Amino acid sequence: MLQLKLLMENELTTSDLLDMIMRSFPELKISKIVINNRGWDNIIGIVNDNVVFRFPKNTSSEMSMKMEIKLIGMLTGFPVSLPEYTFLSKSGRFFAGYPFIPGLPLNSSSTLGKGILSDITRILQYLREFPLSKCMLAGVPIHDNISWLNRQQEILGRFEQSLSILTGSGYFSELRKELIDALSGMSKDCLTLCHGDLYRGNVLISGKHDRITGVIDWGDAFYGDYAFDIAAVTLDFPSKHMKEIVSEFSPETDKTALERIFYYTKVEPLYLADNLMRKGHAEEASKVLEEIM
């Protein structure tokens, strides 16, 4: 008996997704599928608890997924498990799938023990050593110091456009000053391959909360400031963990790592508030902002 759990508000119905999967992969005998449409970019379908299918919601998301698949294929010898996209749609709308990676979301743990901290450092070191030439070949967005700063200013400008009616303009004037102070002194040694979304559900840990078992969802990867990944992976934890990673990992030439991480951490909730506001959920956006202002 097919068991369905529907969490969708998209033009694609559960029947549509099932049909797409079965047309491309008739060898799959589907007894269960769980559909989740809560992600910003993709609809997720987990088949038989052991295959994860991702369906891009728009053209931009499709391009990001294709870049992700290409990049992951180049991350040979990565310290923990990565999605192995062995299921690629054969016709029609693009989607892809990989065998389920066991693990709990990172923030299931209340602390970052030595094993997890060690794995984070190994992951960051791998990304630092990944050649820029391969990043370019994979189609990852490439930033230098100036373009990275400009990108962060553009993002802040977008947030101000949608959220200043709730915050007042003074809030963003102060953030803009903090941005300039934190990022203007960044050196070229700070630029590496970055996951771009290295937190919560994208980092999986063991049931004992002692190791990282996998890193998923690489569609936001870029070549830019490594401190962005540190801010994300330590977001739900005491700042002592972030400082330990910075002390262990940051190059000696990087004098502003902590300032940049604190800035990225402060701005992180604005991504959600902006998304809610642009979808017409002003009340929910206001609640997000109340927690940080």
C-alpha atoms as a PDB file:
ATOM      1  CA  MET A   1       0.000   0.000   0.000  1.00  0.00           C
ATOM      2  CA  LEU A   2       1.460   3.337  -1.048  1.00  0.00           C
ATOM      3  CA  GLN A   3       1.824   5.700   1.892  1.00  0.00           C
ATOM      4  CA  LEU A   4       1.854   9.396   1.070  1.00  0.00           C
ATOM      5  CA  LYS A   5       2.601  12.357   3.263  1.00  0.00           C
ATOM      6  CA  LEU A   6       1.710  15.566   1.474  1.00  0.00           C
ATOM      7  CA  LEU A   7       3.318  18.863   2.473  1.00  0.00           C
ATOM      8  CA  MET A   8       2.952  20.644  -0.846  1.00  0.00           C
ATOM      9  CA  GLU A   9       1.534  23.939  -2.064  1.00  0.00           C
ATOM     10  CA  ASN A  10       3.034  23.771  -5.543  1.00  0.00           C
ATOM     11  CA  GLU A  11       1.554  23.286  -9.005  1.00  0.00           C
ATOM     12  CA  LEU A  12       3.183  19.856  -9.010  1.00  0.00           C
ATOM     13  CA  THR A  13       0.958  17.334  -7.249  1.00  0.00           C
ATOM     14  CA  THR A  14       2.111  14.174  -5.537  1.00  0.00           C
ATOM     15  CA  SER A  15       0.796  12.228  -8.539  1.00  0.00           C
ATOM     16  CA  ASP A  16       2.898  14.420 -10.850  1.00  0.00           C
ATOM     17  CA  LEU A  17       6.051  13.691  -8.877  1.00  0.00           C
ATOM     18  CA  LEU A  18       5.338   9.981  -8.703  1.00  0.00           C
ATOM     19  CA  ASP A  19       4.749   9.894 -12.436  1.00  0.00           C
ATOM     20  CA  MET A  20       8.020  11.723 -13.104  1.00  0.00           C
ATOM     21  CA  ILE A  21       9.989   9.320 -10.916  1.00  0.00           C
ATOM     22  CA  MET A  22       8.395   6.183 -12.326  1.00  0.00           C
ATOM     23  CA  ARG A  23       8.818   7.287 -15.943  1.00  0.00           C
ATOM     24  CA  SER A  24      12.544   7.904 -15.460  1.00  0.00           C
ATOM     25  CA  PHE A  25      13.206   5.027 -13.069  1.00  0.00           C
ATOM     26  CA  PRO A  26      10.716   2.201 -13.706  1.00  0.00           C
ATOM     27  CA  GLU A  27      13.012  -0.179 -11.829  1.00  0.00           C
ATOM     28  CA  LEU A  28      12.131   1.551  -8.538  1.00  0.00           C
ATOM     29  CA  LYS A  29       9.338  -0.259  -6.713  1.00  0.00           C
ATOM     30  CA  ILE A  30       7.806   2.591  -4.719  1.00  0.00           C
ATOM     31  CA  SER A  31       6.032   1.554  -1.538  1.00  0.00           C
ATOM     32  CA  LYS A  32       6.362   4.882   0.264  1.00  0.00           C
ATOM     33  CA  ILE A  33       7.080   8.487  -0.623  1.00  0.00           C
ATOM     34  CA  VAL A  34       7.309  11.508   1.655  1.00  0.00           C
ATOM     35  CA  ILE A  35       6.973  14.880  -0.090  1.00  0.00           C
ATOM     36  CA  ASN A  36       8.236  18.118   1.432  1.00  0.00           C
ATOM     37  CA  ASN A  37       7.749  21.483  -0.284  1.00  0.00           C
ATOM     38  CA  ARG A  38       9.010  23.700   2.525  1.00  0.00           C
ATOM     39  CA  GLY A  39      12.423  24.331   0.967  1.00  0.00           C
ATOM     40  CA  TRP A  40      13.021  27.626  -0.812  1.00  0.00           C
ATOM     41  CA  ASP A  41      14.458  26.150  -3.989  1.00  0.00           C
ATOM     42  CA  ASN A  42      13.466  22.496  -4.275  1.00  0.00           C
ATOM     43  CA  ILE A  43      10.678  20.048  -3.588  1.00  0.00           C
ATOM     44  CA  ILE A  44      12.042  16.991  -1.787  1.00  0.00           C
ATOM     45  CA  GLY A  45      10.688  13.480  -2.270  1.00  0.00           C
ATOM     46  CA  ILE A  46      12.069  10.614  -0.172  1.00  0.00           C
ATOM     47  CA  VAL A  47      11.255   7.235  -1.710  1.00  0.00           C
ATOM     48  CA  ASN A  48      11.133   4.092   0.442  1.00  0.00           C
ATOM     49  CA  ASP A  49      13.172   5.936   3.108  1.00  0.00           C
ATOM     50  CA  ASN A  50      16.337   5.350   1.069  1.00  0.00           C
ATOM     51  CA  VAL A  51      16.392   7.581  -2.030  1.00  0.00           C
ATOM     52  CA  VAL A  52      16.183  11.376  -1.891  1.00  0.00           C
ATOM     53  CA  PHE A  53      14.804  13.092  -5.008  1.00  0.00           C
ATOM     54  CA  ARG A  54      15.089  16.857  -5.492  1.00  0.00           C
ATOM     55  CA  PHE A  55      12.843  18.752  -7.896  1.00  0.00           C
ATOM     56  CA  PRO A  56      13.950  22.344  -8.666  1.00  0.00           C
ATOM     57  CA  LYS A  57      11.136  24.882  -8.290  1.00  0.00           C
ATOM     58  CA  ASN A  58      12.389  27.230 -11.009  1.00  0.00           C
ATOM     59  CA  THR A  59      15.058  27.710 -13.666  1.00  0.00           C
ATOM     60  CA  SER A  60      17.517  29.306 -11.242  1.00  0.00           C
ATOM     61  CA  SER A  61      17.183  26.363  -8.853  1.00  0.00           C
ATOM     62  CA  GLU A  62      17.697  23.943 -11.733  1.00  0.00           C
ATOM     63  CA  MET A  63      20.929  25.681 -12.729  1.00  0.00           C
ATOM     64  CA  SER A  64      22.140  25.569  -9.115  1.00  0.00           C
ATOM     65  CA  MET A  65      21.414  21.846  -8.869  1.00  0.00           C
ATOM     66  CA  LYS A  66      23.266  21.093 -12.094  1.00  0.00           C
ATOM     67  CA  MET A  67      26.244  23.080 -10.772  1.00  0.00           C
ATOM     68  CA  GLU A  68      26.001  21.181  -7.478  1.00  0.00           C
ATOM     69  CA  ILE A  69      26.046  17.803  -9.230  1.00  0.00           C
ATOM     70  CA  LYS A  70      29.080  18.799 -11.276  1.00  0.00           C
ATOM     71  CA  LEU A  71      30.916  20.166  -8.242  1.00  0.00           C
ATOM     72  CA  ILE A  72      30.210  17.129  -6.054  1.00  0.00           C
ATOM     73  CA  GLY A  73      31.601  14.907  -8.792  1.00  0.00           C
ATOM     74  CA  MET A  74      34.877  16.794  -8.404  1.00  0.00           C
ATOM     75  CA  LEU A  75      35.068  16.631  -4.591  1.00  0.00           C
ATOM     76  CA  THR A  76      37.004  13.375  -4.526  1.00  0.00           C
ATOM     77  CA  GLY A  77      38.278  12.290  -1.118  1.00  0.00           C
ATOM     78  CA  PHE A  78      35.932  14.603   0.787  1.00  0.00           C
ATOM     79  CA  PRO A  79      36.211  13.940   4.553  1.00  0.00           C
ATOM     80  CA  VAL A  80      32.538  12.911   5.037  1.00  0.00           C
ATOM     81  CA  SER A  81      29.737  11.520   2.868  1.00  0.00           C
ATOM     82  CA  LEU A  82      28.314  13.580   0.002  1.00  0.00           C
ATOM     83  CA  PRO A  83      25.176  13.047  -2.088  1.00  0.00           C
ATOM     84  CA  GLU A  84      25.891  10.608  -4.918  1.00  0.00           C
ATOM     85  CA  TYR A  85      23.521  11.655  -7.678  1.00  0.00           C
ATOM     86  CA  THR A  86      23.001   8.281  -9.307  1.00  0.00           C
ATOM     87  CA  PHE A  87      19.426   9.095 -10.377  1.00  0.00           C
ATOM     88  CA  LEU A  88      19.232  11.739 -13.135  1.00  0.00           C
ATOM     89  CA  SER A  89      15.917  12.360 -14.920  1.00  0.00           C
ATOM     90  CA  LYS A  90      15.916  10.978 -18.450  1.00  0.00           C
ATOM     91  CA  SER A  91      13.371  13.319 -20.060  1.00  0.00           C
ATOM     92  CA  GLY A  92      11.035  16.227 -19.375  1.00  0.00           C
ATOM     93  CA  ARG A  93      11.465  18.396 -16.278  1.00  0.00           C
ATOM     94  CA  PHE A  94      14.906  18.064 -14.697  1.00  0.00           C
ATOM     95  CA  PHE A  95      15.256  16.413 -11.289  1.00  0.00           C
ATOM     96  CA  ALA A  96      17.795  14.178  -9.599  1.00  0.00           C
ATOM     97  CA  GLY A  97      18.183  11.782  -6.694  1.00  0.00           C
ATOM     98  CA  TYR A  98      20.772  10.175  -4.456  1.00  0.00           C
ATOM     99  CA  PRO A  99      20.867   7.376  -1.862  1.00  0.00           C
ATOM    100  CA  PHE A 100      19.773   8.609   1.561  1.00  0.00           C
ATOM    101  CA  ILE A 101      22.653   9.630   3.860  1.00  0.00           C
ATOM    102  CA  PRO A 102      21.933   8.546   7.452  1.00  0.00           C
ATOM    103  CA  GLY A 103      22.262  11.192  10.122  1.00  0.00           C
ATOM    104  CA  LEU A 104      20.611  13.803  12.285  1.00  0.00           C
ATOM    105  CA  PRO A 105      20.660  17.551  11.602  1.00  0.00           C
ATOM    106  CA  LEU A 106      23.610  19.291  13.236  1.00  0.00           C
ATOM    107  CA  ASN A 107      21.468  21.332  15.605  1.00  0.00           C
ATOM    108  CA  SER A 108      20.067  18.134  17.126  1.00  0.00           C
ATOM    109  CA  SER A 109      23.139  18.389  19.335  1.00  0.00           C
ATOM    110  CA  SER A 110      23.440  20.989  22.082  1.00  0.00           C
ATOM    111  CA  THR A 111      27.176  21.323  21.682  1.00  0.00           C
ATOM    112  CA  LEU A 112      29.980  20.739  19.204  1.00  0.00           C
ATOM    113  CA  GLY A 113      32.123  17.998  20.712  1.00  0.00           C
ATOM    114  CA  LYS A 114      35.731  17.309  19.775  1.00  0.00           C
ATOM    115  CA  GLY A 115      34.787  14.837  17.036  1.00  0.00           C
ATOM    116  CA  ILE A 116      32.405  17.248  15.317  1.00  0.00           C
ATOM    117  CA  LEU A 117      34.850  20.157  15.668  1.00  0.00           C
ATOM    118  CA  SER A 118      37.583  17.985  14.186  1.00  0.00           C
ATOM    119  CA  ASP A 119      35.362  17.069  11.246  1.00  0.00           C
ATOM    120  CA  ILE A 120      34.415  20.721  10.667  1.00  0.00           C
ATOM    121  CA  THR A 121      38.096  21.665  10.552  1.00  0.00           C
ATOM    122  CA  ARG A 122      38.838  18.826   8.110  1.00  0.00           C
ATOM    123  CA  ILE A 123      35.957  19.948   5.882  1.00  0.00           C
ATOM    124  CA  LEU A 124      37.116  23.567   5.915  1.00  0.00           C
ATOM    125  CA  GLN A 125      40.700  22.512   5.189  1.00  0.00           C
ATOM    126  CA  TYR A 126      39.553  20.430   2.219  1.00  0.00           C
ATOM    127  CA  LEU A 127      37.605  23.388   0.839  1.00  0.00           C
ATOM    128  CA  ARG A 128      40.601  25.696   1.298  1.00  0.00           C
ATOM    129  CA  GLU A 129      42.816  23.337  -0.674  1.00  0.00           C
ATOM    130  CA  PHE A 130      40.306  22.853  -3.497  1.00  0.00           C
ATOM    131  CA  PRO A 131      41.804  24.651  -6.525  1.00  0.00           C
ATOM    132  CA  LEU A 132      40.260  27.824  -7.879  1.00  0.00           C
ATOM    133  CA  SER A 133      40.636  26.382 -11.390  1.00  0.00           C
ATOM    134  CA  LYS A 134      38.309  23.506 -10.477  1.00  0.00           C
ATOM    135  CA  CYS A 135      35.804  25.916  -8.945  1.00  0.00           C
ATOM    136  CA  MET A 136      35.707  27.736 -12.247  1.00  0.00           C
ATOM    137  CA  LEU A 137      35.329  24.468 -14.150  1.00  0.00           C
ATOM    138  CA  ALA A 138      32.386  23.470 -11.928  1.00  0.00           C
ATOM    139  CA  GLY A 139      30.644  26.783 -12.611  1.00  0.00           C
ATOM    140  CA  VAL A 140      30.813  28.005  -9.006  1.00  0.00           C
ATOM    141  CA  PRO A 141      30.371  31.801  -8.612  1.00  0.00           C
ATOM    142  CA  ILE A 142      33.850  33.299  -8.167  1.00  0.00           C
ATOM    143  CA  HIS A 143      34.543  36.320  -5.958  1.00  0.00           C
ATOM    144  CA  ASP A 144      37.599  38.385  -5.195  1.00  0.00           C
ATOM    145  CA  ASN A 145      37.750  40.711  -2.186  1.00  0.00           C
ATOM    146  CA  ILE A 146      36.014  43.569  -3.944  1.00  0.00           C
ATOM    147  CA  SER A 147      33.249  41.589  -5.613  1.00  0.00           C
ATOM    148  CA  TRP A 148      32.549  39.746  -2.346  1.00  0.00           C
ATOM    149  CA  LEU A 149      32.115  43.026  -0.489  1.00  0.00           C
ATOM    150  CA  ASN A 150      29.934  44.355  -3.305  1.00  0.00           C
ATOM    151  CA  ARG A 151      27.827  41.196  -3.181  1.00  0.00           C
ATOM    152  CA  GLN A 152      27.220  41.587   0.545  1.00  0.00           C
ATOM    153  CA  GLN A 153      26.251  45.224   0.006  1.00  0.00           C
ATOM    154  CA  GLU A 154      23.775  44.160  -2.687  1.00  0.00           C
ATOM    155  CA  ILE A 155      22.232  41.577  -0.362  1.00  0.00           C
ATOM    156  CA  LEU A 156      21.920  44.138   2.420  1.00  0.00           C
ATOM    157  CA  GLY A 157      20.317  46.561  -0.029  1.00  0.00           C
ATOM    158  CA  ARG A 158      17.750  43.933  -0.980  1.00  0.00           C
ATOM    159  CA  PHE A 159      16.938  43.329   2.674  1.00  0.00           C
ATOM    160  CA  GLU A 160      16.592  47.058   3.291  1.00  0.00           C
ATOM    161  CA  GLN A 161      14.210  47.365   0.353  1.00  0.00           C
ATOM    162  CA  SER A 162      11.844  44.742   1.732  1.00  0.00           C
ATOM    163  CA  LEU A 163      12.293  45.130   5.483  1.00  0.00           C
ATOM    164  CA  SER A 164      12.982  48.790   6.299  1.00  0.00           C
ATOM    165  CA  ILE A 165       9.244  49.400   6.598  1.00  0.00           C
ATOM    166  CA  LEU A 166       9.446  47.121   9.655  1.00  0.00           C
ATOM    167  CA  THR A 167      12.880  48.099  11.006  1.00  0.00           C
ATOM    168  CA  GLY A 168      13.239  51.748  10.110  1.00  0.00           C
ATOM    169  CA  SER A 169      16.131  52.997   7.976  1.00  0.00           C
ATOM    170  CA  GLY A 170      18.471  53.501  10.935  1.00  0.00           C
ATOM    171  CA  TYR A 171      18.792  49.772  11.472  1.00  0.00           C
ATOM    172  CA  PHE A 172      20.242  49.227   8.010  1.00  0.00           C
ATOM    173  CA  SER A 173      22.481  52.283   8.227  1.00  0.00           C
ATOM    174  CA  GLU A 174      24.138  50.695  11.245  1.00  0.00           C
ATOM    175  CA  LEU A 175      24.395  47.302   9.528  1.00  0.00           C
ATOM    176  CA  ARG A 176      25.986  48.897   6.477  1.00  0.00           C
ATOM    177  CA  LYS A 177      28.641  50.487   8.698  1.00  0.00           C
ATOM    178  CA  GLU A 178      29.311  47.142  10.390  1.00  0.00           C
ATOM    179  CA  LEU A 179      29.602  45.488   6.985  1.00  0.00           C
ATOM    180  CA  ILE A 180      32.224  47.955   5.764  1.00  0.00           C
ATOM    181  CA  ASP A 181      34.167  47.778   9.046  1.00  0.00           C
ATOM    182  CA  ALA A 182      34.193  43.964   9.022  1.00  0.00           C
ATOM    183  CA  LEU A 183      34.883  43.202   5.368  1.00  0.00           C
ATOM    184  CA  SER A 184      37.025  46.069   4.110  1.00  0.00           C
ATOM    185  CA  GLY A 185      40.165  44.548   5.662  1.00  0.00           C
ATOM    186  CA  MET A 186      39.662  41.043   4.274  1.00  0.00           C
ATOM    187  CA  SER A 187      42.754  39.625   2.558  1.00  0.00           C
ATOM    188  CA  LYS A 188      42.929  37.324  -0.459  1.00  0.00           C
ATOM    189  CA  ASP A 189      43.980  34.487   1.878  1.00  0.00           C
ATOM    190  CA  CYS A 190      40.377  34.421   3.120  1.00  0.00           C
ATOM    191  CA  LEU A 191      39.041  33.262  -0.250  1.00  0.00           C
ATOM    192  CA  THR A 192      38.262  29.550  -0.643  1.00  0.00           C
ATOM    193  CA  LEU A 193      35.594  27.246  -1.964  1.00  0.00           C
ATOM    194  CA  CYS A 194      32.621  27.578   0.407  1.00  0.00           C
ATOM    195  CA  HIS A 195      29.558  25.395   0.837  1.00  0.00           C
ATOM    196  CA  GLY A 196      27.426  28.519   1.209  1.00  0.00           C
ATOM    197  CA  ASP A 197      24.697  26.992   3.416  1.00  0.00           C
ATOM    198  CA  LEU A 198      26.643  24.988   5.975  1.00  0.00           C
ATOM    199  CA  TYR A 199      24.170  24.811   8.840  1.00  0.00           C
ATOM    200  CA  ARG A 200      21.222  23.015  10.413  1.00  0.00           C
ATOM    201  CA  GLY A 201      19.751  20.406   8.094  1.00  0.00           C
ATOM    202  CA  ASN A 202      22.606  20.468   5.586  1.00  0.00           C
ATOM    203  CA  VAL A 203      25.166  19.086   8.041  1.00  0.00           C
ATOM    204  CA  LEU A 204      24.333  15.581   9.287  1.00  0.00           C
ATOM    205  CA  ILE A 205      25.744  14.056  12.467  1.00  0.00           C
ATOM    206  CA  SER A 206      25.788  10.587  14.014  1.00  0.00           C
ATOM    207  CA  GLY A 207      23.209   9.385  16.510  1.00  0.00           C
ATOM    208  CA  LYS A 208      25.845   9.705  19.224  1.00  0.00           C
ATOM    209  CA  HIS A 209      26.430  13.353  18.244  1.00  0.00           C
ATOM    210  CA  ASP A 210      30.148  12.653  18.021  1.00  0.00           C
ATOM    211  CA  ARG A 211      30.922  12.893  14.276  1.00  0.00           C
ATOM    212  CA  ILE A 212      29.667  14.464  11.060  1.00  0.00           C
ATOM    213  CA  THR A 213      28.207  11.820   8.743  1.00  0.00           C
ATOM    214  CA  GLY A 214      27.519  13.945   5.666  1.00  0.00           C
ATOM    215  CA  VAL A 215      27.095  17.366   4.070  1.00  0.00           C
ATOM    216  CA  ILE A 216      24.238  17.875   1.601  1.00  0.00           C
ATOM    217  CA  ASP A 217      22.717  20.664  -0.549  1.00  0.00           C
ATOM    218  CA  TRP A 218      25.682  22.305  -2.309  1.00  0.00           C
ATOM    219  CA  GLY A 219      23.582  24.473  -4.629  1.00  0.00           C
ATOM    220  CA  ASP A 220      24.726  27.720  -2.940  1.00  0.00           C
ATOM    221  CA  ALA A 221      28.446  26.943  -3.200  1.00  0.00           C
ATOM    222  CA  PHE A 222      30.764  29.809  -4.149  1.00  0.00           C
ATOM    223  CA  TYR A 223      34.398  30.858  -4.061  1.00  0.00           C
ATOM    224  CA  GLY A 224      34.553  33.567  -1.411  1.00  0.00           C
ATOM    225  CA  ASP A 225      35.009  34.241   2.294  1.00  0.00           C
ATOM    226  CA  TYR A 226      35.574  31.050   4.334  1.00  0.00           C
ATOM    227  CA  ALA A 227      34.263  32.887   7.423  1.00  0.00           C
ATOM    228  CA  PHE A 228      30.775  32.681   5.908  1.00  0.00           C
ATOM    229  CA  ASP A 229      30.814  28.881   6.362  1.00  0.00           C
ATOM    230  CA  ILE A 230      32.144  29.157   9.924  1.00  0.00           C
ATOM    231  CA  ALA A 231      29.341  31.574  10.813  1.00  0.00           C
ATOM    232  CA  ALA A 232      26.778  29.140   9.425  1.00  0.00           C
ATOM    233  CA  VAL A 233      28.080  25.917  10.974  1.00  0.00           C
ATOM    234  CA  THR A 234      28.399  27.478  14.453  1.00  0.00           C
ATOM    235  CA  LEU A 235      25.187  29.497  14.294  1.00  0.00           C
ATOM    236  CA  ASP A 236      23.163  27.496  16.835  1.00  0.00           C
ATOM    237  CA  PHE A 237      26.011  27.031  19.302  1.00  0.00           C
ATOM    238  CA  PRO A 238      27.942  29.024  21.939  1.00  0.00           C
ATOM    239  CA  SER A 239      30.451  31.437  20.441  1.00  0.00           C
ATOM    240  CA  LYS A 240      33.331  29.548  22.089  1.00  0.00           C
ATOM    241  CA  HIS A 241      33.019  26.894  19.378  1.00  0.00           C
ATOM    242  CA  MET A 242      33.302  29.463  16.623  1.00  0.00           C
ATOM    243  CA  LYS A 243      36.362  30.964  18.293  1.00  0.00           C
ATOM    244  CA  GLU A 244      37.956  27.501  18.580  1.00  0.00           C
ATOM    245  CA  ILE A 245      37.529  26.925  14.846  1.00  0.00           C
ATOM    246  CA  VAL A 246      38.900  30.372  13.997  1.00  0.00           C
ATOM    247  CA  SER A 247      41.899  29.790  16.264  1.00  0.00           C
ATOM    248  CA  GLU A 248      42.548  26.392  14.674  1.00  0.00           C
ATOM    249  CA  PHE A 249      41.841  27.235  11.059  1.00  0.00           C
ATOM    250  CA  SER A 250      42.241  30.918  10.196  1.00  0.00           C
ATOM    251  CA  PRO A 251      45.402  31.997   8.350  1.00  0.00           C
ATOM    252  CA  GLU A 252      47.732  34.258  10.306  1.00  0.00           C
ATOM    253  CA  THR A 253      47.181  37.029   7.780  1.00  0.00           C
ATOM    254  CA  ASP A 254      43.436  37.138   8.546  1.00  0.00           C
ATOM    255  CA  LYS A 255      42.955  39.807  11.201  1.00  0.00           C
ATOM    256  CA  THR A 256      39.178  40.294  10.889  1.00  0.00           C
ATOM    257  CA  ALA A 257      37.750  36.749  10.902  1.00  0.00           C
ATOM    258  CA  LEU A 258      35.788  37.225  14.126  1.00  0.00           C
ATOM    259  CA  GLU A 259      34.312  40.541  13.002  1.00  0.00           C
ATOM    260  CA  ARG A 260      33.164  39.051   9.701  1.00  0.00           C
ATOM    261  CA  ILE A 261      31.641  36.003  11.389  1.00  0.00           C
ATOM    262  CA  PHE A 262      29.746  38.169  13.874  1.00  0.00           C
ATOM    263  CA  TYR A 263      28.433  40.246  10.965  1.00  0.00           C
ATOM    264  CA  TYR A 264      27.276  37.196   8.962  1.00  0.00           C
ATOM    265  CA  THR A 265      25.633  35.759  12.079  1.00  0.00           C
ATOM    266  CA  LYS A 266      23.790  39.008  12.740  1.00  0.00           C
ATOM    267  CA  VAL A 267      22.496  39.219   9.171  1.00  0.00           C
ATOM    268  CA  GLU A 268      21.502  35.538   8.825  1.00  0.00           C
ATOM    269  CA  PRO A 269      17.910  35.897  10.147  1.00  0.00           C
ATOM    270  CA  LEU A 270      17.266  38.612   7.560  1.00  0.00           C
ATOM    271  CA  TYR A 271      17.345  36.005   4.778  1.00  0.00           C
ATOM    272  CA  LEU A 272      14.240  34.380   6.264  1.00  0.00           C
ATOM    273  CA  ALA A 273      12.547  37.686   7.066  1.00  0.00           C
ATOM    274  CA  ASP A 274      13.154  38.933   3.520  1.00  0.00           C
ATOM    275  CA  ASN A 275      11.790  35.720   2.017  1.00  0.00           C
ATOM    276  CA  LEU A 276       8.662  35.917   4.172  1.00  0.00           C
ATOM    277  CA  MET A 277       8.120  39.593   3.399  1.00  0.00           C
ATOM    278  CA  ARG A 278       8.425  39.115  -0.355  1.00  0.00           C
ATOM    279  CA  LYS A 279       5.866  36.308  -0.184  1.00  0.00           C
ATOM    280  CA  GLY A 280       3.410  38.581   1.598  1.00  0.00           C
ATOM    281  CA  HIS A 281       3.865  37.229   5.119  1.00  0.00           C
ATOM    282  CA  ALA A 282       4.598  40.529   6.869  1.00  0.00           C
ATOM    283  CA  GLU A 283       3.424  39.352  10.290  1.00  0.00           C
ATOM    284  CA  GLU A 284       5.757  36.339  10.261  1.00  0.00           C
ATOM    285  CA  ALA A 285       8.637  38.521   9.018  1.00  0.00           C
ATOM    286  CA  SER A 286       7.972  40.962  11.854  1.00  0.00           C
ATOM    287  CA  LYS A 287       8.210  38.137  14.406  1.00  0.00           C
ATOM    288  CA  VAL A 288      11.610  37.100  13.019  1.00  0.00           C
ATOM    289  CA  LEU A 289      12.854  40.675  13.326  1.00  0.00           C
ATOM    290  CA  GLU A 290      11.500  41.065  16.865  1.00  0.00           C
ATOM    291  CA  GLU A 291      13.858  38.299  17.974  1.00  0.00           C
ATOM    292  CA  ILE A 292      16.977  40.077  16.733  1.00  0.00           C
ATOM    293  CA  MET A 293      16.275  43.778  17.245  1.00  0.00           C
END
